[in-house]
Amino acid sequence: MFSTSRFVRAAQAGAVLAVVLGLGLVAEARDPEDVFRGQIITSAKRIPTKASSKAAYISALKRQKTGRFYENKSTKSWKVYYTAFFRKPLNSLEVTVKIYDLSGGGKHMLTAFEQYMDKRGARSITSNVTLNRDDFGVNKNLMMTVESNGAILSATRFAILGEGEHYTGQVNFSEEEASKGTDD
């Protein structure tokens, strides 16, 4: 025969188990587009486009997400893979990706380029961009936005890091340049 306290504990344990199982089902049912709505996931590695389940895909994106990119010294560039999740389904076939420099305290646009969708109603786009040292500098804090008709659909911030220029403080003039300076 059950005592009242045993019965209560058994009921509580059952309730806890039901809640845990229920949360697992809710997590499984969540779409990546809802979890990452309005965000851009950036990665140094190619971003997967599918997984065994929604939860596995969400978990893979969370593991791969990075906000710091280190320069490829041989190419003097950074390759940034990204997946942008829109705030709402896109009613267009085109988005504009913009990259801003936030390093100087302001917001200075460095580049903008178009990306095209396969169909209307899309909720995300996966692509990549290569940022060259000559165009973007080094050790910069950047912001990426994905926009459509002037409305920001998603955004993120990240840093491009590398070795800065080394200056010795010495200036070397040619003999011609040196003689010009003394003749004036």
N, C-alpha and C. Protein backbone atom coordinates (compact mmCIF):
# COMPACT_ATOMS: atom_id res chain seq x y z
N MET A 1 0.85 -1.16 0.00
CA MET A 1 0.00 0.00 0.00
C MET A 1 0.90 1.23 0.00
N PHE A 2 0.55 2.24 -0.81
CA PHE A 2 1.31 3.49 -0.90
C PHE A 2 0.98 4.42 0.24
N SER A 3 2.00 5.03 0.79
CA SER A 3 1.73 6.10 1.75
C SER A 3 1.53 7.38 0.96
N THR A 4 0.96 8.37 1.58
CA THR A 4 0.67 9.62 0.90
C THR A 4 1.94 10.29 0.41
N SER A 5 2.98 10.30 1.21
CA SER A 5 4.22 10.98 0.82
C SER A 5 4.89 10.26 -0.35
N ARG A 6 4.85 8.93 -0.37
CA ARG A 6 5.41 8.18 -1.50
C ARG A 6 4.63 8.48 -2.78
N PHE A 7 3.34 8.53 -2.64
CA PHE A 7 2.49 8.81 -3.79
C PHE A 7 2.78 10.21 -4.34
N VAL A 8 2.94 11.20 -3.45
CA VAL A 8 3.24 12.58 -3.85
C VAL A 8 4.59 12.63 -4.56
N ARG A 9 5.60 11.94 -3.98
CA ARG A 9 6.93 11.93 -4.61
C ARG A 9 6.87 11.26 -5.98
N ALA A 10 6.14 10.21 -6.11
CA ALA A 10 6.01 9.51 -7.39
C ALA A 10 5.31 10.42 -8.41
N ALA A 11 4.30 11.14 -7.97
CA ALA A 11 3.59 12.06 -8.86
C ALA A 11 4.51 13.20 -9.28
N GLN A 12 5.30 13.72 -8.33
CA GLN A 12 6.23 14.80 -8.65
C GLN A 12 7.29 14.32 -9.65
N ALA A 13 7.82 13.13 -9.41
CA ALA A 13 8.81 12.57 -10.33
C ALA A 13 8.21 12.40 -11.73
N GLY A 14 6.99 11.93 -11.77
CA GLY A 14 6.31 11.78 -13.06
C GLY A 14 6.10 13.11 -13.76
N ALA A 15 5.77 14.13 -12.98
CA ALA A 15 5.57 15.47 -13.55
C ALA A 15 6.87 16.03 -14.09
N VAL A 16 7.96 15.84 -13.33
CA VAL A 16 9.27 16.31 -13.78
C VAL A 16 9.66 15.60 -15.06
N LEU A 17 9.46 14.29 -15.12
CA LEU A 17 9.79 13.53 -16.31
C LEU A 17 8.96 14.00 -17.51
N ALA A 18 7.70 14.27 -17.29
CA ALA A 18 6.83 14.77 -18.37
C ALA A 18 7.31 16.12 -18.88
N VAL A 19 7.73 16.99 -17.96
CA VAL A 19 8.22 18.31 -18.36
C VAL A 19 9.51 18.18 -19.16
N VAL A 20 10.43 17.33 -18.69
CA VAL A 20 11.70 17.13 -19.39
C VAL A 20 11.45 16.57 -20.78
N LEU A 21 10.62 15.56 -20.88
CA LEU A 21 10.31 14.98 -22.19
C LEU A 21 9.59 15.99 -23.07
N GLY A 22 8.70 16.76 -22.48
CA GLY A 22 7.98 17.79 -23.23
C GLY A 22 8.92 18.85 -23.77
N LEU A 23 9.89 19.27 -22.97
CA LEU A 23 10.88 20.27 -23.43
C LEU A 23 11.71 19.71 -24.56
N GLY A 24 12.03 18.43 -24.49
CA GLY A 24 12.79 17.80 -25.57
C GLY A 24 12.01 17.84 -26.87
N LEU A 25 10.71 17.61 -26.79
CA LEU A 25 9.88 17.65 -28.00
C LEU A 25 9.75 19.07 -28.52
N VAL A 26 9.65 20.03 -27.61
CA VAL A 26 9.56 21.43 -28.03
C VAL A 26 10.85 21.85 -28.72
N ALA A 27 12.00 21.47 -28.14
CA ALA A 27 13.29 21.83 -28.75
C ALA A 27 13.42 21.20 -30.13
N GLU A 28 12.96 19.97 -30.27
CA GLU A 28 13.03 19.28 -31.55
C GLU A 28 12.13 19.97 -32.58
N ALA A 29 11.01 20.49 -32.15
CA ALA A 29 10.06 21.09 -33.07
C ALA A 29 10.44 22.50 -33.49
N ARG A 30 11.39 23.14 -32.78
CA ARG A 30 11.78 24.52 -33.10
C ARG A 30 12.55 24.55 -34.40
N ASP A 31 12.19 25.49 -35.24
CA ASP A 31 12.89 25.67 -36.51
C ASP A 31 14.13 26.53 -36.30
N PRO A 32 15.23 26.25 -37.02
CA PRO A 32 16.41 27.09 -36.92
C PRO A 32 16.09 28.56 -37.24
N GLU A 33 15.17 28.78 -38.16
CA GLU A 33 14.78 30.14 -38.54
C GLU A 33 14.16 30.90 -37.36
N ASP A 34 13.49 30.17 -36.46
CA ASP A 34 12.91 30.81 -35.28
C ASP A 34 13.96 31.00 -34.19
N VAL A 35 14.84 30.04 -34.02
CA VAL A 35 15.88 30.11 -32.99
C VAL A 35 16.85 31.27 -33.30
N PHE A 36 17.25 31.41 -34.56
CA PHE A 36 18.26 32.39 -34.94
C PHE A 36 17.67 33.61 -35.65
N ARG A 37 16.39 33.82 -35.52
CA ARG A 37 15.68 34.91 -36.20
C ARG A 37 16.39 36.25 -36.01
N GLY A 38 16.72 36.90 -37.13
CA GLY A 38 17.37 38.21 -37.09
C GLY A 38 18.87 38.16 -36.88
N GLN A 39 19.45 36.96 -36.82
CA GLN A 39 20.88 36.81 -36.58
C GLN A 39 21.60 36.33 -37.83
N ILE A 40 22.89 36.64 -37.88
CA ILE A 40 23.76 36.07 -38.89
C ILE A 40 24.78 35.23 -38.14
N ILE A 41 24.88 33.96 -38.47
CA ILE A 41 25.86 33.06 -37.87
C ILE A 41 27.09 33.11 -38.78
N THR A 42 28.24 33.50 -38.21
CA THR A 42 29.48 33.54 -38.97
C THR A 42 30.40 32.42 -38.50
N SER A 43 31.18 31.88 -39.44
CA SER A 43 32.06 30.77 -39.13
C SER A 43 33.30 30.81 -40.03
N ALA A 44 34.40 30.26 -39.53
CA ALA A 44 35.61 30.15 -40.33
C ALA A 44 35.57 28.89 -41.19
N LYS A 45 34.62 28.01 -40.91
CA LYS A 45 34.45 26.77 -41.68
C LYS A 45 33.13 26.81 -42.44
N ARG A 46 33.06 26.04 -43.50
CA ARG A 46 31.84 25.95 -44.30
C ARG A 46 30.66 25.58 -43.39
N ILE A 47 29.56 26.26 -43.57
CA ILE A 47 28.37 26.04 -42.74
C ILE A 47 27.53 24.93 -43.35
N PRO A 48 27.13 23.95 -42.53
CA PRO A 48 26.30 22.87 -43.08
C PRO A 48 24.94 23.41 -43.51
N THR A 49 24.36 22.78 -44.51
CA THR A 49 23.04 23.20 -44.97
C THR A 49 21.95 22.22 -44.56
N LYS A 50 22.37 21.09 -43.97
CA LYS A 50 21.36 20.14 -43.47
C LYS A 50 21.99 19.28 -42.38
N ALA A 51 21.12 18.63 -41.61
CA ALA A 51 21.56 17.75 -40.53
C ALA A 51 20.49 16.68 -40.33
N SER A 52 20.75 15.75 -39.41
CA SER A 52 19.81 14.64 -39.19
C SER A 52 18.50 15.10 -38.57
N SER A 53 18.51 16.25 -37.89
CA SER A 53 17.29 16.79 -37.29
C SER A 53 17.45 18.30 -37.12
N LYS A 54 16.35 18.95 -36.81
CA LYS A 54 16.40 20.40 -36.57
C LYS A 54 17.29 20.71 -35.37
N ALA A 55 17.16 19.91 -34.32
CA ALA A 55 17.97 20.12 -33.11
C ALA A 55 19.45 19.93 -33.42
N ALA A 56 19.79 18.94 -34.25
CA ALA A 56 21.19 18.70 -34.61
C ALA A 56 21.73 19.87 -35.43
N TYR A 57 20.91 20.42 -36.31
CA TYR A 57 21.34 21.55 -37.13
C TYR A 57 21.57 22.79 -36.25
N ILE A 58 20.65 23.04 -35.33
CA ILE A 58 20.77 24.17 -34.40
C ILE A 58 22.04 24.02 -33.57
N SER A 59 22.27 22.83 -33.08
CA SER A 59 23.46 22.55 -32.27
C SER A 59 24.74 22.74 -33.09
N ALA A 60 24.75 22.28 -34.33
CA ALA A 60 25.93 22.43 -35.21
C ALA A 60 26.22 23.91 -35.46
N LEU A 61 25.19 24.71 -35.69
CA LEU A 61 25.39 26.14 -35.92
C LEU A 61 25.94 26.83 -34.66
N LYS A 62 25.42 26.46 -33.50
CA LYS A 62 25.90 27.05 -32.25
C LYS A 62 27.37 26.71 -32.01
N ARG A 63 27.76 25.47 -32.32
CA ARG A 63 29.16 25.06 -32.14
C ARG A 63 30.09 25.78 -33.11
N GLN A 64 29.64 26.00 -34.31
CA GLN A 64 30.48 26.57 -35.35
C GLN A 64 30.58 28.09 -35.30
N LYS A 65 29.65 28.73 -34.66
CA LYS A 65 29.58 30.20 -34.63
C LYS A 65 30.86 30.80 -34.04
N THR A 66 31.41 31.79 -34.73
CA THR A 66 32.58 32.50 -34.22
C THR A 66 32.45 33.98 -34.54
N GLY A 67 33.09 34.79 -33.73
CA GLY A 67 33.07 36.23 -33.96
C GLY A 67 34.47 36.79 -34.18
N ARG A 68 35.47 35.89 -34.26
CA ARG A 68 36.85 36.31 -34.47
C ARG A 68 37.45 35.51 -35.62
N PHE A 69 37.96 36.22 -36.59
CA PHE A 69 38.55 35.58 -37.77
C PHE A 69 40.02 35.97 -37.87
N TYR A 70 40.88 34.98 -38.10
CA TYR A 70 42.30 35.22 -38.18
C TYR A 70 42.75 35.17 -39.64
N GLU A 71 43.63 36.08 -39.99
CA GLU A 71 44.06 36.27 -41.36
C GLU A 71 44.80 35.05 -41.90
N ASN A 72 44.50 34.71 -43.14
CA ASN A 72 45.28 33.73 -43.88
C ASN A 72 46.50 34.50 -44.39
N LYS A 73 47.67 34.24 -43.82
CA LYS A 73 48.86 35.03 -44.12
C LYS A 73 49.32 34.89 -45.56
N SER A 74 49.08 33.75 -46.18
CA SER A 74 49.53 33.58 -47.56
C SER A 74 48.67 34.38 -48.55
N THR A 75 47.37 34.49 -48.28
CA THR A 75 46.50 35.23 -49.20
C THR A 75 46.19 36.64 -48.70
N LYS A 76 46.60 36.94 -47.45
CA LYS A 76 46.32 38.23 -46.81
C LYS A 76 44.83 38.55 -46.88
N SER A 77 44.03 37.56 -46.44
CA SER A 77 42.58 37.73 -46.49
C SER A 77 41.91 36.89 -45.40
N TRP A 78 40.62 37.11 -45.24
CA TRP A 78 39.79 36.37 -44.30
C TRP A 78 38.62 35.81 -45.09
N LYS A 79 38.32 34.54 -44.93
CA LYS A 79 37.15 33.92 -45.55
C LYS A 79 36.10 33.78 -44.45
N VAL A 80 34.96 34.40 -44.66
CA VAL A 80 33.88 34.38 -43.67
C VAL A 80 32.69 33.65 -44.28
N TYR A 81 32.35 32.51 -43.69
CA TYR A 81 31.15 31.78 -44.08
C TYR A 81 30.02 32.30 -43.21
N TYR A 82 28.83 32.41 -43.78
CA TYR A 82 27.73 32.93 -42.98
C TYR A 82 26.39 32.35 -43.42
N THR A 83 25.48 32.31 -42.45
CA THR A 83 24.07 32.00 -42.70
C THR A 83 23.27 33.11 -42.03
N ALA A 84 22.46 33.79 -42.81
CA ALA A 84 21.63 34.87 -42.30
C ALA A 84 20.20 34.37 -42.17
N PHE A 85 19.64 34.54 -40.98
CA PHE A 85 18.25 34.15 -40.72
C PHE A 85 17.42 35.42 -40.65
N PHE A 86 16.42 35.52 -41.50
CA PHE A 86 15.63 36.74 -41.63
C PHE A 86 14.59 36.84 -40.52
N ARG A 87 14.23 38.09 -40.19
CA ARG A 87 13.22 38.34 -39.17
C ARG A 87 11.84 37.86 -39.62
N LYS A 88 11.61 37.88 -40.93
CA LYS A 88 10.34 37.41 -41.49
C LYS A 88 10.62 36.86 -42.89
N PRO A 89 9.71 36.05 -43.43
CA PRO A 89 9.94 35.51 -44.77
C PRO A 89 10.14 36.64 -45.79
N LEU A 90 11.06 36.42 -46.68
CA LEU A 90 11.45 37.44 -47.66
C LEU A 90 10.45 37.46 -48.82
N ASN A 91 9.95 38.64 -49.14
CA ASN A 91 9.00 38.79 -50.25
C ASN A 91 9.73 39.30 -51.49
N SER A 92 10.98 38.95 -51.62
CA SER A 92 11.80 39.42 -52.73
C SER A 92 12.75 38.30 -53.13
N LEU A 93 13.41 38.47 -54.25
CA LEU A 93 14.39 37.49 -54.69
C LEU A 93 15.82 38.00 -54.50
N GLU A 94 15.96 39.18 -53.90
CA GLU A 94 17.27 39.79 -53.78
C GLU A 94 17.45 40.42 -52.39
N VAL A 95 18.64 40.24 -51.82
CA VAL A 95 19.01 40.91 -50.58
C VAL A 95 20.34 41.62 -50.82
N THR A 96 20.62 42.61 -49.98
CA THR A 96 21.88 43.32 -50.04
C THR A 96 22.65 43.04 -48.76
N VAL A 97 23.88 42.56 -48.92
CA VAL A 97 24.76 42.32 -47.78
C VAL A 97 25.67 43.54 -47.66
N LYS A 98 25.70 44.13 -46.47
CA LYS A 98 26.55 45.30 -46.23
C LYS A 98 27.51 45.00 -45.09
N ILE A 99 28.75 45.49 -45.24
CA ILE A 99 29.75 45.32 -44.19
C ILE A 99 30.25 46.70 -43.81
N TYR A 100 30.17 46.97 -42.50
CA TYR A 100 30.56 48.26 -41.95
C TYR A 100 31.77 48.10 -41.03
N ASP A 101 32.61 49.13 -40.98
CA ASP A 101 33.72 49.20 -40.03
C ASP A 101 33.23 49.97 -38.81
N LEU A 102 33.33 49.35 -37.64
CA LEU A 102 32.92 49.98 -36.39
C LEU A 102 34.12 50.39 -35.54
N SER A 103 35.33 50.20 -36.06
CA SER A 103 36.56 50.38 -35.28
C SER A 103 36.79 51.80 -34.80
N GLY A 104 36.45 52.80 -35.60
CA GLY A 104 36.75 54.17 -35.23
C GLY A 104 35.70 54.83 -34.37
N GLY A 105 34.76 54.08 -33.86
CA GLY A 105 33.71 54.66 -33.03
C GLY A 105 32.45 54.97 -33.82
N GLY A 106 32.56 55.16 -35.13
CA GLY A 106 31.39 55.41 -35.96
C GLY A 106 31.01 54.15 -36.72
N LYS A 107 30.25 54.35 -37.77
CA LYS A 107 29.82 53.24 -38.61
C LYS A 107 30.09 53.65 -40.06
N HIS A 108 31.14 53.07 -40.65
CA HIS A 108 31.58 53.42 -41.99
C HIS A 108 31.40 52.21 -42.91
N MET A 109 30.56 52.33 -43.96
CA MET A 109 30.33 51.21 -44.85
C MET A 109 31.56 50.94 -45.71
N LEU A 110 32.00 49.68 -45.70
CA LEU A 110 33.16 49.27 -46.48
C LEU A 110 32.77 48.66 -47.81
N THR A 111 31.70 47.90 -47.82
CA THR A 111 31.26 47.25 -49.06
C THR A 111 29.79 46.88 -48.97
N ALA A 112 29.20 46.67 -50.13
CA ALA A 112 27.83 46.18 -50.24
C ALA A 112 27.75 45.34 -51.51
N PHE A 113 27.05 44.23 -51.43
CA PHE A 113 26.90 43.38 -52.61
C PHE A 113 25.55 42.67 -52.55
N GLU A 114 25.07 42.27 -53.70
CA GLU A 114 23.76 41.63 -53.83
C GLU A 114 23.89 40.11 -53.73
N GLN A 115 22.88 39.49 -53.14
CA GLN A 115 22.73 38.03 -53.10
C GLN A 115 21.33 37.73 -53.61
N TYR A 116 21.20 36.67 -54.38
CA TYR A 116 19.92 36.34 -54.98
C TYR A 116 19.37 35.04 -54.39
N MET A 117 18.06 35.05 -54.19
CA MET A 117 17.36 33.92 -53.58
C MET A 117 16.79 33.02 -54.68
N ASP A 118 16.55 31.75 -54.33
CA ASP A 118 15.94 30.80 -55.27
C ASP A 118 14.45 31.06 -55.44
N LYS A 119 13.80 31.51 -54.36
CA LYS A 119 12.34 31.69 -54.41
C LYS A 119 11.92 32.72 -53.37
N ARG A 120 10.74 33.26 -53.55
CA ARG A 120 10.16 34.19 -52.57
C ARG A 120 9.75 33.40 -51.32
N GLY A 121 9.73 34.09 -50.19
CA GLY A 121 9.32 33.44 -48.95
C GLY A 121 10.48 32.79 -48.20
N ALA A 122 11.70 32.94 -48.71
CA ALA A 122 12.87 32.34 -48.04
C ALA A 122 13.05 32.97 -46.67
N ARG A 123 13.57 32.19 -45.73
CA ARG A 123 13.79 32.69 -44.37
C ARG A 123 15.26 32.73 -44.00
N SER A 124 16.14 32.29 -44.92
CA SER A 124 17.57 32.33 -44.64
C SER A 124 18.36 32.24 -45.95
N ILE A 125 19.63 32.59 -45.84
CA ILE A 125 20.55 32.44 -46.97
C ILE A 125 21.91 32.03 -46.41
N THR A 126 22.59 31.13 -47.09
CA THR A 126 23.92 30.67 -46.69
C THR A 126 24.89 31.00 -47.81
N SER A 127 26.01 31.62 -47.45
CA SER A 127 27.00 32.01 -48.45
C SER A 127 28.34 32.26 -47.77
N ASN A 128 29.25 32.90 -48.47
CA ASN A 128 30.54 33.27 -47.89
C ASN A 128 31.07 34.51 -48.59
N VAL A 129 32.03 35.15 -47.95
CA VAL A 129 32.65 36.35 -48.51
C VAL A 129 34.13 36.31 -48.12
N THR A 130 34.98 36.77 -49.03
CA THR A 130 36.40 36.90 -48.75
C THR A 130 36.73 38.38 -48.60
N LEU A 131 37.34 38.71 -47.48
CA LEU A 131 37.72 40.09 -47.17
C LEU A 131 39.23 40.22 -47.34
N ASN A 132 39.66 41.09 -48.25
CA ASN A 132 41.08 41.28 -48.51
C ASN A 132 41.66 42.36 -47.62
N ARG A 133 42.89 42.16 -47.17
CA ARG A 133 43.58 43.11 -46.29
C ARG A 133 43.65 44.49 -46.93
N ASP A 134 43.95 44.56 -48.23
CA ASP A 134 44.08 45.85 -48.91
C ASP A 134 42.79 46.66 -48.85
N ASP A 135 41.65 46.00 -48.91
CA ASP A 135 40.36 46.69 -48.92
C ASP A 135 39.78 46.92 -47.52
N PHE A 136 40.08 46.03 -46.58
CA PHE A 136 39.42 46.07 -45.27
C PHE A 136 40.35 46.43 -44.12
N GLY A 137 41.66 46.43 -44.36
CA GLY A 137 42.58 46.71 -43.27
C GLY A 137 42.79 45.47 -42.42
N VAL A 138 43.27 45.66 -41.20
CA VAL A 138 43.52 44.55 -40.28
C VAL A 138 43.13 44.99 -38.88
N ASN A 139 42.78 44.02 -38.05
CA ASN A 139 42.36 44.27 -36.67
C ASN A 139 41.20 45.27 -36.62
N LYS A 140 40.13 44.89 -37.29
CA LYS A 140 38.94 45.73 -37.39
C LYS A 140 37.74 45.04 -36.75
N ASN A 141 36.87 45.84 -36.17
CA ASN A 141 35.58 45.36 -35.70
C ASN A 141 34.57 45.70 -36.78
N LEU A 142 33.91 44.68 -37.29
CA LEU A 142 32.98 44.86 -38.41
C LEU A 142 31.56 44.47 -38.02
N MET A 143 30.62 45.02 -38.76
CA MET A 143 29.22 44.65 -38.64
C MET A 143 28.73 44.26 -40.02
N MET A 144 28.02 43.14 -40.09
CA MET A 144 27.42 42.68 -41.35
C MET A 144 25.91 42.75 -41.19
N THR A 145 25.25 43.30 -42.20
CA THR A 145 23.79 43.30 -42.22
C THR A 145 23.31 42.68 -43.52
N VAL A 146 22.14 42.09 -43.48
CA VAL A 146 21.46 41.63 -44.69
C VAL A 146 20.17 42.42 -44.74
N GLU A 147 19.98 43.12 -45.87
CA GLU A 147 18.86 44.04 -46.00
C GLU A 147 18.05 43.75 -47.26
N SER A 148 16.80 44.16 -47.21
CA SER A 148 15.92 44.09 -48.38
C SER A 148 15.07 45.36 -48.39
N ASN A 149 15.13 46.09 -49.47
CA ASN A 149 14.39 47.34 -49.61
C ASN A 149 14.63 48.29 -48.43
N GLY A 150 15.87 48.36 -47.96
CA GLY A 150 16.24 49.27 -46.88
C GLY A 150 15.95 48.77 -45.47
N ALA A 151 15.27 47.65 -45.34
CA ALA A 151 14.97 47.08 -44.02
C ALA A 151 16.01 46.04 -43.65
N ILE A 152 16.54 46.12 -42.43
CA ILE A 152 17.53 45.14 -41.97
C ILE A 152 16.81 43.86 -41.58
N LEU A 153 17.18 42.76 -42.24
CA LEU A 153 16.58 41.45 -41.97
C LEU A 153 17.34 40.69 -40.90
N SER A 154 18.67 40.89 -40.87
CA SER A 154 19.52 40.23 -39.88
C SER A 154 20.84 40.97 -39.79
N ALA A 155 21.54 40.77 -38.66
CA ALA A 155 22.80 41.48 -38.45
C ALA A 155 23.69 40.72 -37.48
N THR A 156 24.99 40.99 -37.54
CA THR A 156 25.96 40.43 -36.59
C THR A 156 27.19 41.31 -36.57
N ARG A 157 28.02 41.10 -35.57
CA ARG A 157 29.31 41.78 -35.45
C ARG A 157 30.39 40.73 -35.35
N PHE A 158 31.57 41.05 -35.92
CA PHE A 158 32.71 40.15 -35.82
C PHE A 158 33.99 40.95 -36.00
N ALA A 159 35.12 40.33 -35.70
CA ALA A 159 36.42 40.99 -35.80
C ALA A 159 37.31 40.24 -36.78
N ILE A 160 38.08 41.01 -37.57
CA ILE A 160 39.10 40.41 -38.43
C ILE A 160 40.45 40.77 -37.80
N LEU A 161 41.22 39.73 -37.51
CA LEU A 161 42.45 39.91 -36.75
C LEU A 161 43.65 39.43 -37.56
N GLY A 162 44.76 40.08 -37.36
CA GLY A 162 46.00 39.71 -38.03
C GLY A 162 47.13 40.53 -37.47
N GLU A 163 48.30 40.32 -38.04
CA GLU A 163 49.48 41.03 -37.60
C GLU A 163 49.52 42.38 -38.28
N GLY A 164 49.62 43.43 -37.49
CA GLY A 164 49.67 44.79 -38.02
C GLY A 164 51.02 45.08 -38.66
N GLU A 165 51.10 46.19 -39.35
CA GLU A 165 52.34 46.61 -39.98
C GLU A 165 53.37 46.94 -38.90
N HIS A 166 54.62 46.64 -39.17
CA HIS A 166 55.71 46.95 -38.24
C HIS A 166 56.47 48.15 -38.78
N TYR A 167 56.59 49.17 -37.96
CA TYR A 167 57.32 50.38 -38.33
C TYR A 167 58.53 50.53 -37.42
N THR A 168 59.67 50.88 -38.02
CA THR A 168 60.90 51.03 -37.23
C THR A 168 61.08 52.46 -36.74
N GLY A 169 60.41 53.39 -37.36
CA GLY A 169 60.60 54.80 -37.01
C GLY A 169 61.71 55.44 -37.82
N GLN A 170 62.40 54.65 -38.64
CA GLN A 170 63.48 55.17 -39.47
C GLN A 170 62.92 55.52 -40.84
N VAL A 171 63.44 56.59 -41.40
CA VAL A 171 63.06 57.00 -42.74
C VAL A 171 64.31 56.98 -43.60
N ASN A 172 64.23 56.34 -44.74
CA ASN A 172 65.37 56.27 -45.64
C ASN A 172 65.06 57.08 -46.89
N PHE A 173 65.89 58.07 -47.16
CA PHE A 173 65.74 58.90 -48.35
C PHE A 173 66.81 58.50 -49.36
N SER A 174 66.44 58.61 -50.63
CA SER A 174 67.46 58.41 -51.66
C SER A 174 68.38 59.63 -51.65
N GLU A 175 69.53 59.51 -52.29
CA GLU A 175 70.47 60.65 -52.33
C GLU A 175 69.81 61.85 -52.99
N GLU A 176 69.01 61.61 -54.04
CA GLU A 176 68.34 62.70 -54.75
C GLU A 176 67.35 63.41 -53.82
N GLU A 177 66.54 62.63 -53.07
CA GLU A 177 65.59 63.22 -52.14
C GLU A 177 66.30 63.98 -51.03
N ALA A 178 67.41 63.44 -50.55
CA ALA A 178 68.17 64.08 -49.48
C ALA A 178 68.79 65.39 -49.95
N SER A 179 69.28 65.42 -51.19
CA SER A 179 69.91 66.65 -51.70
C SER A 179 68.86 67.71 -52.01
N LYS A 180 67.66 67.30 -52.39
CA LYS A 180 66.57 68.26 -52.64
C LYS A 180 66.22 69.00 -51.36
N GLY A 181 66.18 68.28 -50.25
CA GLY A 181 65.80 68.87 -48.98
C GLY A 181 66.79 69.91 -48.51
N THR A 182 68.06 69.78 -48.84
CA THR A 182 69.07 70.74 -48.37
C THR A 182 69.20 71.93 -49.29
N ASP A 183 68.77 71.82 -50.54
CA ASP A 183 68.89 72.91 -51.51
C ASP A 183 67.83 73.96 -51.31
N ASP A 184 66.72 73.64 -50.70
CA ASP A 184 65.62 74.61 -50.57
C ASP A 184 65.85 75.63 -49.53
